[in-house]
Full PDB file with SEQRES, HELIX, SHEET, SSBOND, CRYST1, ORIGX, SCALE, CONECT and MASTER records, all heavy atoms in Angstrom:
SEQRES   1 A   29  PHE GLU GLN LEU LEU GLY GLY GLU VAL TYR HIS TYR HIS          
SEQRES   2 A   29  SER LYS VAL ILE MET LYS GLU ALA ARG THR GLY GLY ALA          
SEQRES   3 A   29  HIS LEU TRP                                                  
HELIX    1 AA1 GLU A    2  LEU A    5  1                                   4    
CRYST1    1.000    1.000    1.000  90.00  90.00  90.00 P 1           1          
ORIGX1      1.000000  0.000000  0.000000        0.00000                         
ORIGX2      0.000000  1.000000  0.000000        0.00000                         
ORIGX3      0.000000  0.000000  1.000000        0.00000                         
SCALE1      1.000000  0.000000  0.000000        0.00000                         
SCALE2      0.000000  1.000000  0.000000        0.00000                         
SCALE3      0.000000  0.000000  1.000000        0.00000                         
ATOM      1  N   PHE A   1      71.946-253.556 -25.649  1.00  0.00           N  
ATOM      2  CA  PHE A   1      70.861-253.594 -26.632  1.00  0.00           C  
ATOM      3  C   PHE A   1      71.070-252.574 -27.743  1.00  0.00           C  
ATOM      4  O   PHE A   1      70.662-252.803 -28.893  1.00  0.00           O  
ATOM      5  CB  PHE A   1      69.498-253.409 -25.978  1.00  0.00           C  
ATOM      6  CG  PHE A   1      68.531-254.497 -26.349  1.00  0.00           C  
ATOM      7  CD1 PHE A   1      67.655-255.025 -25.428  1.00  0.00           C  
ATOM      8  CD2 PHE A   1      68.514-255.035 -27.632  1.00  0.00           C  
ATOM      9  CE1 PHE A   1      66.790-256.051 -25.767  1.00  0.00           C  
ATOM     10  CE2 PHE A   1      67.651-256.060 -27.984  1.00  0.00           C  
ATOM     11  CZ  PHE A   1      66.796-256.571 -27.052  1.00  0.00           C  
ATOM     12  N   GLU A   2      71.697-251.457 -27.439  1.00  0.00           N  
ATOM     13  CA  GLU A   2      71.996-250.508 -28.507  1.00  0.00           C  
ATOM     14  C   GLU A   2      72.864-251.160 -29.578  1.00  0.00           C  
ATOM     15  O   GLU A   2      72.644-250.974 -30.782  1.00  0.00           O  
ATOM     16  CB  GLU A   2      72.706-249.279 -27.938  1.00  0.00           C  
ATOM     17  CG  GLU A   2      71.764-248.339 -27.231  1.00  0.00           C  
ATOM     18  CD  GLU A   2      72.377-246.997 -26.907  1.00  0.00           C  
ATOM     19  OE1 GLU A   2      73.603-246.941 -26.705  1.00  0.00           O  
ATOM     20  OE2 GLU A   2      71.611-246.014 -26.841  1.00  0.00           O  
ATOM     21  N   GLN A   3      73.835-251.942 -29.142  1.00  0.00           N  
ATOM     22  CA  GLN A   3      74.713-252.596 -30.106  1.00  0.00           C  
ATOM     23  C   GLN A   3      73.987-253.715 -30.850  1.00  0.00           C  
ATOM     24  O   GLN A   3      74.209-253.915 -32.048  1.00  0.00           O  
ATOM     25  CB  GLN A   3      75.937-253.132 -29.383  1.00  0.00           C  
ATOM     26  CG  GLN A   3      76.818-252.022 -28.816  1.00  0.00           C  
ATOM     27  CD  GLN A   3      78.008-252.567 -28.062  1.00  0.00           C  
ATOM     28  OE1 GLN A   3      78.952-253.063 -28.662  1.00  0.00           O  
ATOM     29  NE2 GLN A   3      77.956-252.488 -26.739  1.00  0.00           N  
ATOM     30  N   LEU A   4      73.104-254.431 -30.165  1.00  0.00           N  
ATOM     31  CA  LEU A   4      72.365-255.509 -30.833  1.00  0.00           C  
ATOM     32  C   LEU A   4      71.355-254.962 -31.837  1.00  0.00           C  
ATOM     33  O   LEU A   4      71.137-255.564 -32.896  1.00  0.00           O  
ATOM     34  CB  LEU A   4      71.644-256.370 -29.786  1.00  0.00           C  
ATOM     35  CG  LEU A   4      72.546-257.206 -28.869  1.00  0.00           C  
ATOM     36  CD1 LEU A   4      71.708-257.894 -27.793  1.00  0.00           C  
ATOM     37  CD2 LEU A   4      73.351-258.238 -29.653  1.00  0.00           C  
ATOM     38  N   LEU A   5      70.730-253.829 -31.515  1.00  0.00           N  
ATOM     39  CA  LEU A   5      69.717-253.251 -32.399  1.00  0.00           C  
ATOM     40  C   LEU A   5      70.302-252.259 -33.396  1.00  0.00           C  
ATOM     41  O   LEU A   5      69.596-251.789 -34.294  1.00  0.00           O  
ATOM     42  CB  LEU A   5      68.619-252.570 -31.571  1.00  0.00           C  
ATOM     43  CG  LEU A   5      67.685-253.505 -30.792  1.00  0.00           C  
ATOM     44  CD1 LEU A   5      66.716-252.695 -29.931  1.00  0.00           C  
ATOM     45  CD2 LEU A   5      66.914-254.443 -31.714  1.00  0.00           C  
ATOM     46  N   GLY A   6      71.572-251.916 -33.226  1.00  0.00           N  
ATOM     47  CA  GLY A   6      72.245-251.107 -34.234  1.00  0.00           C  
ATOM     48  C   GLY A   6      71.994-249.627 -34.179  1.00  0.00           C  
ATOM     49  O   GLY A   6      72.038-248.940 -35.209  1.00  0.00           O  
ATOM     50  N   GLY A   7      71.724-249.094 -32.973  1.00  0.00           N  
ATOM     51  CA  GLY A   7      71.522-247.656 -32.862  1.00  0.00           C  
ATOM     52  C   GLY A   7      71.063-247.262 -31.480  1.00  0.00           C  
ATOM     53  O   GLY A   7      70.771-248.117 -30.624  1.00  0.00           O  
ATOM     54  N   GLU A   8      70.970-245.953 -31.260  1.00  0.00           N  
ATOM     55  CA  GLU A   8      70.512-245.426 -29.972  1.00  0.00           C  
ATOM     56  C   GLU A   8      69.134-245.981 -29.628  1.00  0.00           C  
ATOM     57  O   GLU A   8      68.256-246.079 -30.485  1.00  0.00           O  
ATOM     58  CB  GLU A   8      70.442-243.892 -30.032  1.00  0.00           C  
ATOM     59  CG  GLU A   8      69.946-243.241 -28.756  1.00  0.00           C  
ATOM     60  CD  GLU A   8      69.595-241.766 -28.921  1.00  0.00           C  
ATOM     61  OE1 GLU A   8      69.846-241.212 -30.018  1.00  0.00           O  
ATOM     62  OE2 GLU A   8      69.034-241.185 -27.967  1.00  0.00           O  
ATOM     63  N   VAL A   9      68.934-246.350 -28.351  1.00  0.00           N  
ATOM     64  CA  VAL A   9      67.627-246.825 -27.894  1.00  0.00           C  
ATOM     65  C   VAL A   9      67.097-245.910 -26.794  1.00  0.00           C  
ATOM     66  O   VAL A   9      67.849-245.164 -26.168  1.00  0.00           O  
ATOM     67  CB  VAL A   9      67.685-248.283 -27.371  1.00  0.00           C  
ATOM     68  CG1 VAL A   9      68.163-249.233 -28.456  1.00  0.00           C  
ATOM     69  CG2 VAL A   9      68.549-248.400 -26.116  1.00  0.00           C  
ATOM     70  N   TYR A  10      65.791-245.973 -26.594  1.00  0.00           N  
ATOM     71  CA  TYR A  10      65.201-245.318 -25.426  1.00  0.00           C  
ATOM     72  C   TYR A  10      64.324-246.323 -24.684  1.00  0.00           C  
ATOM     73  O   TYR A  10      63.955-247.376 -25.215  1.00  0.00           O  
ATOM     74  CB  TYR A  10      64.428-244.059 -25.820  1.00  0.00           C  
ATOM     75  CG  TYR A  10      63.093-244.262 -26.497  1.00  0.00           C  
ATOM     76  CD1 TYR A  10      61.896-244.260 -25.770  1.00  0.00           C  
ATOM     77  CD2 TYR A  10      63.001-244.427 -27.887  1.00  0.00           C  
ATOM     78  CE1 TYR A  10      60.664-244.420 -26.396  1.00  0.00           C  
ATOM     79  CE2 TYR A  10      61.783-244.575 -28.517  1.00  0.00           C  
ATOM     80  CZ  TYR A  10      60.614-244.577 -27.768  1.00  0.00           C  
ATOM     81  OH  TYR A  10      59.397-244.741 -28.384  1.00  0.00           O  
ATOM     82  N   HIS A  11      64.021-245.981 -23.450  1.00  0.00           N  
ATOM     83  CA  HIS A  11      63.233-246.843 -22.566  1.00  0.00           C  
ATOM     84  C   HIS A  11      61.767-246.801 -22.999  1.00  0.00           C  
ATOM     85  O   HIS A  11      61.115-245.749 -22.936  1.00  0.00           O  
ATOM     86  CB  HIS A  11      63.389-246.346 -21.125  1.00  0.00           C  
ATOM     87  CG  HIS A  11      62.583-247.093 -20.107  1.00  0.00           C  
ATOM     88  ND1 HIS A  11      61.346-246.667 -19.680  1.00  0.00           N  
ATOM     89  CD2 HIS A  11      62.846-248.242 -19.429  1.00  0.00           C  
ATOM     90  CE1 HIS A  11      60.876-247.511 -18.764  1.00  0.00           C  
ATOM     91  NE2 HIS A  11      61.772-248.473 -18.595  1.00  0.00           N  
ATOM     92  N   TYR A  12      61.252-247.938 -23.466  1.00  0.00           N  
ATOM     93  CA  TYR A  12      59.857-248.011 -23.912  1.00  0.00           C  
ATOM     94  C   TYR A  12      58.942-248.357 -22.745  1.00  0.00           C  
ATOM     95  O   TYR A  12      57.868-247.807 -22.626  1.00  0.00           O  
ATOM     96  CB  TYR A  12      59.751-249.031 -25.041  1.00  0.00           C  
ATOM     97  CG  TYR A  12      58.474-248.963 -25.849  1.00  0.00           C  
ATOM     98  CD1 TYR A  12      58.010-247.757 -26.355  1.00  0.00           C  
ATOM     99  CD2 TYR A  12      57.750-250.118 -26.123  1.00  0.00           C  
ATOM    100  CE1 TYR A  12      56.837-247.704 -27.103  1.00  0.00           C  
ATOM    101  CE2 TYR A  12      56.585-250.069 -26.877  1.00  0.00           C  
ATOM    102  CZ  TYR A  12      56.132-248.861 -27.356  1.00  0.00           C  
ATOM    103  OH  TYR A  12      54.978-248.804 -28.102  1.00  0.00           O  
ATOM    104  N   HIS A  13      59.355-249.251 -21.911  1.00  0.00           N  
ATOM    105  CA  HIS A  13      58.716-249.504 -20.625  1.00  0.00           C  
ATOM    106  C   HIS A  13      59.483-250.588 -19.868  1.00  0.00           C  
ATOM    107  O   HIS A  13      60.309-251.290 -20.449  1.00  0.00           O  
ATOM    108  CB  HIS A  13      57.240-249.911 -20.764  1.00  0.00           C  
ATOM    109  CG  HIS A  13      56.985-251.131 -21.585  1.00  0.00           C  
ATOM    110  ND1 HIS A  13      56.633-251.072 -22.918  1.00  0.00           N  
ATOM    111  CD2 HIS A  13      57.034-252.453 -21.289  1.00  0.00           C  
ATOM    112  CE1 HIS A  13      56.462-252.286 -23.394  1.00  0.00           C  
ATOM    113  NE2 HIS A  13      56.710-253.148 -22.425  1.00  0.00           N  
ATOM    114  N   SER A  14      59.195-250.701 -18.583  1.00  0.00           N  
ATOM    115  CA  SER A  14      59.708-251.790 -17.745  1.00  0.00           C  
ATOM    116  C   SER A  14      58.534-252.476 -17.080  1.00  0.00           C  
ATOM    117  O   SER A  14      57.457-251.880 -16.922  1.00  0.00           O  
ATOM    118  CB  SER A  14      60.651-251.260 -16.650  1.00  0.00           C  
ATOM    119  OG  SER A  14      61.843-250.749 -17.176  1.00  0.00           O  
ATOM    120  N   LYS A  15      58.736-253.719 -16.695  1.00  0.00           N  
ATOM    121  CA  LYS A  15      57.672-254.405 -15.965  1.00  0.00           C  
ATOM    122  C   LYS A  15      58.242-255.554 -15.146  1.00  0.00           C  
ATOM    123  O   LYS A  15      59.347-256.041 -15.406  1.00  0.00           O  
ATOM    124  CB  LYS A  15      56.585-254.914 -16.908  1.00  0.00           C  
ATOM    125  CG  LYS A  15      57.026-255.931 -17.936  1.00  0.00           C  
ATOM    126  CD  LYS A  15      55.860-256.254 -18.876  1.00  0.00           C  
ATOM    127  CE  LYS A  15      56.290-257.146 -20.028  1.00  0.00           C  
ATOM    128  NZ  LYS A  15      55.190-257.405 -20.978  1.00  0.00           N  
ATOM    129  N   VAL A  16      57.470-255.951 -14.168  1.00  0.00           N  
ATOM    130  CA  VAL A  16      57.762-257.153 -13.396  1.00  0.00           C  
ATOM    131  C   VAL A  16      56.606-258.118 -13.618  1.00  0.00           C  
ATOM    132  O   VAL A  16      55.441-257.762 -13.402  1.00  0.00           O  
ATOM    133  CB  VAL A  16      57.940-256.848 -11.898  1.00  0.00           C  
ATOM    134  CG1 VAL A  16      58.161-258.137 -11.108  1.00  0.00           C  
ATOM    135  CG2 VAL A  16      59.107-255.902 -11.682  1.00  0.00           C  
ATOM    136  N   ILE A  17      56.930-259.304 -14.102  1.00  0.00           N  
ATOM    137  CA  ILE A  17      55.926-260.357 -14.274  1.00  0.00           C  
ATOM    138  C   ILE A  17      56.037-261.286 -13.076  1.00  0.00           C  
ATOM    139  O   ILE A  17      57.089-261.875 -12.824  1.00  0.00           O  
ATOM    140  CB  ILE A  17      56.142-261.114 -15.591  1.00  0.00           C  
ATOM    141  CG1 ILE A  17      55.921-260.175 -16.787  1.00  0.00           C  
ATOM    142  CG2 ILE A  17      55.201-262.319 -15.681  1.00  0.00           C  
ATOM    143  CD1 ILE A  17      56.150-260.814 -18.136  1.00  0.00           C  
ATOM    144  N   MET A  18      54.938-261.405 -12.337  1.00  0.00           N  
ATOM    145  CA  MET A  18      54.917-262.155 -11.077  1.00  0.00           C  
ATOM    146  C   MET A  18      54.085-263.424 -11.263  1.00  0.00           C  
ATOM    147  O   MET A  18      52.881-263.433 -11.002  1.00  0.00           O  
ATOM    148  CB  MET A  18      54.359-261.273  -9.961  1.00  0.00           C  
ATOM    149  CG  MET A  18      55.253-260.087  -9.629  1.00  0.00           C  
ATOM    150  SD  MET A  18      54.430-258.761  -8.684  1.00  0.00           S  
ATOM    151  CE  MET A  18      53.734-257.791 -10.035  1.00  0.00           C  
ATOM    152  N   LYS A  19      54.719-264.449 -11.746  1.00  0.00           N  
ATOM    153  CA  LYS A  19      54.033-265.718 -11.971  1.00  0.00           C  
ATOM    154  C   LYS A  19      54.125-266.507 -10.669  1.00  0.00           C  
ATOM    155  O   LYS A  19      55.096-267.215 -10.400  1.00  0.00           O  
ATOM    156  CB  LYS A  19      54.676-266.478 -13.138  1.00  0.00           C  
ATOM    157  CG  LYS A  19      53.856-267.656 -13.624  1.00  0.00           C  
ATOM    158  CD  LYS A  19      54.401-268.232 -14.916  1.00  0.00           C  
ATOM    159  CE  LYS A  19      54.053-267.368 -16.104  1.00  0.00           C  
ATOM    160  NZ  LYS A  19      54.007-268.128 -17.371  1.00  0.00           N  
ATOM    161  N   GLU A  20      53.084-266.363  -9.845  1.00  0.00           N  
ATOM    162  CA  GLU A  20      53.132-266.916  -8.486  1.00  0.00           C  
ATOM    163  C   GLU A  20      52.970-268.438  -8.483  1.00  0.00           C  
ATOM    164  O   GLU A  20      52.410-269.030  -9.417  1.00  0.00           O  
ATOM    165  CB  GLU A  20      52.042-266.282  -7.617  1.00  0.00           C  
ATOM    166  CG  GLU A  20      52.096-264.760  -7.538  1.00  0.00           C  
ATOM    167  CD  GLU A  20      53.306-264.223  -6.780  1.00  0.00           C  
ATOM    168  OE1 GLU A  20      54.150-265.021  -6.349  1.00  0.00           O  
ATOM    169  OE2 GLU A  20      53.409-262.986  -6.643  1.00  0.00           O  
ATOM    170  N   ALA A  21      53.469-269.048  -7.420  1.00  0.00           N  
ATOM    171  CA  ALA A  21      53.376-270.504  -7.270  1.00  0.00           C  
ATOM    172  C   ALA A  21      51.916-270.950  -7.272  1.00  0.00           C  
ATOM    173  O   ALA A  21      51.056-270.324  -6.657  1.00  0.00           O  
ATOM    174  CB  ALA A  21      54.044-270.939  -5.970  1.00  0.00           C  
ATOM    175  N   ARG A  22      51.637-271.991  -8.031  1.00  0.00           N  
ATOM    176  CA  ARG A  22      50.343-272.694  -8.081  1.00  0.00           C  
ATOM    177  C   ARG A  22      49.204-271.897  -8.716  1.00  0.00           C  
ATOM    178  O   ARG A  22      48.156-272.452  -9.018  1.00  0.00           O  
ATOM    179  CB  ARG A  22      49.908-273.172  -6.688  1.00  0.00           C  
ATOM    180  CG  ARG A  22      50.854-274.180  -6.065  1.00  0.00           C  
ATOM    181  CD  ARG A  22      50.394-274.622  -4.691  1.00  0.00           C  
ATOM    182  NE  ARG A  22      50.442-273.521  -3.734  1.00  0.00           N  
ATOM    183  CZ  ARG A  22      51.538-273.130  -3.087  1.00  0.00           C  
ATOM    184  NH1 ARG A  22      52.684-273.747  -3.308  1.00  0.00           N  
ATOM    185  NH2 ARG A  22      51.499-272.134  -2.235  1.00  0.00           N  
ATOM    186  N   THR A  23      49.406-270.591  -8.940  1.00  0.00           N  
ATOM    187  CA  THR A  23      48.317-269.764  -9.476  1.00  0.00           C  
ATOM    188  C   THR A  23      48.706-268.963 -10.713  1.00  0.00           C  
ATOM    189  O   THR A  23      47.826-268.395 -11.362  1.00  0.00           O  
ATOM    190  CB  THR A  23      47.805-268.778  -8.414  1.00  0.00           C  
ATOM    191  OG1 THR A  23      48.884-267.899  -8.034  1.00  0.00           O  
ATOM    192  CG2 THR A  23      47.293-269.519  -7.178  1.00  0.00           C  
ATOM    193  N   GLY A  24      49.985-268.900 -11.040  1.00  0.00           N  
ATOM    194  CA  GLY A  24      50.454-268.060 -12.139  1.00  0.00           C  
ATOM    195  C   GLY A  24      49.878-268.481 -13.476  1.00  0.00           C  
ATOM    196  O   GLY A  24      49.850-269.667 -13.821  1.00  0.00           O  
ATOM    197  N   GLY A  25      49.409-267.509 -14.247  1.00  0.00           N  
ATOM    198  CA  GLY A  25      48.781-267.796 -15.531  1.00  0.00           C  
ATOM    199  C   GLY A  25      49.776-267.943 -16.666  1.00  0.00           C  
ATOM    200  O   GLY A  25      50.981-267.724 -16.513  1.00  0.00           O  
ATOM    201  N   ALA A  26      49.253-268.320 -17.819  1.00  0.00           N  
ATOM    202  CA  ALA A  26      50.061-268.519 -19.021  1.00  0.00           C  
ATOM    203  C   ALA A  26      50.076-267.242 -19.860  1.00  0.00           C  
ATOM    204  O   ALA A  26      49.182-266.401 -19.761  1.00  0.00           O  
ATOM    205  CB  ALA A  26      49.488-269.660 -19.853  1.00  0.00           C  
ATOM    206  N   HIS A  27      51.100-267.117 -20.683  1.00  0.00           N  
ATOM    207  CA  HIS A  27      51.108-266.118 -21.748  1.00  0.00           C  
ATOM    208  C   HIS A  27      51.048-266.866 -23.072  1.00  0.00           C  
ATOM    209  O   HIS A  27      51.800-267.815 -23.304  1.00  0.00           O  
ATOM    210  CB  HIS A  27      52.364-265.244 -21.679  1.00  0.00           C  
ATOM    211  CG  HIS A  27      52.310-264.215 -20.593  1.00  0.00           C  
ATOM    212  ND1 HIS A  27      53.035-264.291 -19.436  1.00  0.00           N  
ATOM    213  CD2 HIS A  27      51.577-263.074 -20.500  1.00  0.00           C  
ATOM    214  CE1 HIS A  27      52.774-263.245 -18.668  1.00  0.00           C  
ATOM    215  NE2 HIS A  27      51.886-262.499 -19.292  1.00  0.00           N  
ATOM    216  N   LEU A  28      50.140-266.456 -23.929  1.00  0.00           N  
ATOM    217  CA  LEU A  28      49.896-267.153 -25.188  1.00  0.00           C  
ATOM    218  C   LEU A  28      51.006-266.870 -26.195  1.00  0.00           C  
ATOM    219  O   LEU A  28      51.782-265.921 -26.053  1.00  0.00           O  
ATOM    220  CB  LEU A  28      48.550-266.711 -25.758  1.00  0.00           C  
ATOM    221  CG  LEU A  28      47.349-266.789 -24.804  1.00  0.00           C  
ATOM    222  CD1 LEU A  28      46.087-266.297 -25.509  1.00  0.00           C  
ATOM    223  CD2 LEU A  28      47.153-268.205 -24.280  1.00  0.00           C  
ATOM    224  N   TRP A  29      51.071-267.698 -27.230  1.00  0.00           N  
ATOM    225  CA  TRP A  29      52.038-267.450 -28.299  1.00  0.00           C  
ATOM    226  C   TRP A  29      51.818-266.057 -28.872  1.00  0.00           C  
ATOM    227  O   TRP A  29      50.705-265.693 -29.274  1.00  0.00           O  
ATOM    228  CB  TRP A  29      51.884-268.474 -29.420  1.00  0.00           C  
ATOM    229  CG  TRP A  29      52.550-269.786 -29.172  1.00  0.00           C  
ATOM    230  CD1 TRP A  29      51.962-271.001 -29.008  1.00  0.00           C  
ATOM    231  CD2 TRP A  29      53.970-270.022 -29.102  1.00  0.00           C  
ATOM    232  NE1 TRP A  29      52.909-271.986 -28.822  1.00  0.00           N  
ATOM    233  CE2 TRP A  29      54.154-271.409 -28.878  1.00  0.00           C  
ATOM    234  CE3 TRP A  29      55.097-269.199 -29.211  1.00  0.00           C  
ATOM    235  CZ2 TRP A  29      55.415-271.993 -28.748  1.00  0.00           C  
ATOM    236  CZ3 TRP A  29      56.351-269.773 -29.067  1.00  0.00           C  
ATOM    237  CH2 TRP A  29      56.509-271.150 -28.849  1.00  0.00           C  
TER     238      TRP A  29                                                      
MASTER        0    0    0    1    0    0    0    6  237    1    0    3          
END                                                                             
């Protein structure tokens, strides 16, 4: 990602999205 964004990067955040079977919600545009 440093090469794609053209400079040093830092960690802004991490997450796990758990879209469970039969109940997982949508993310809007």
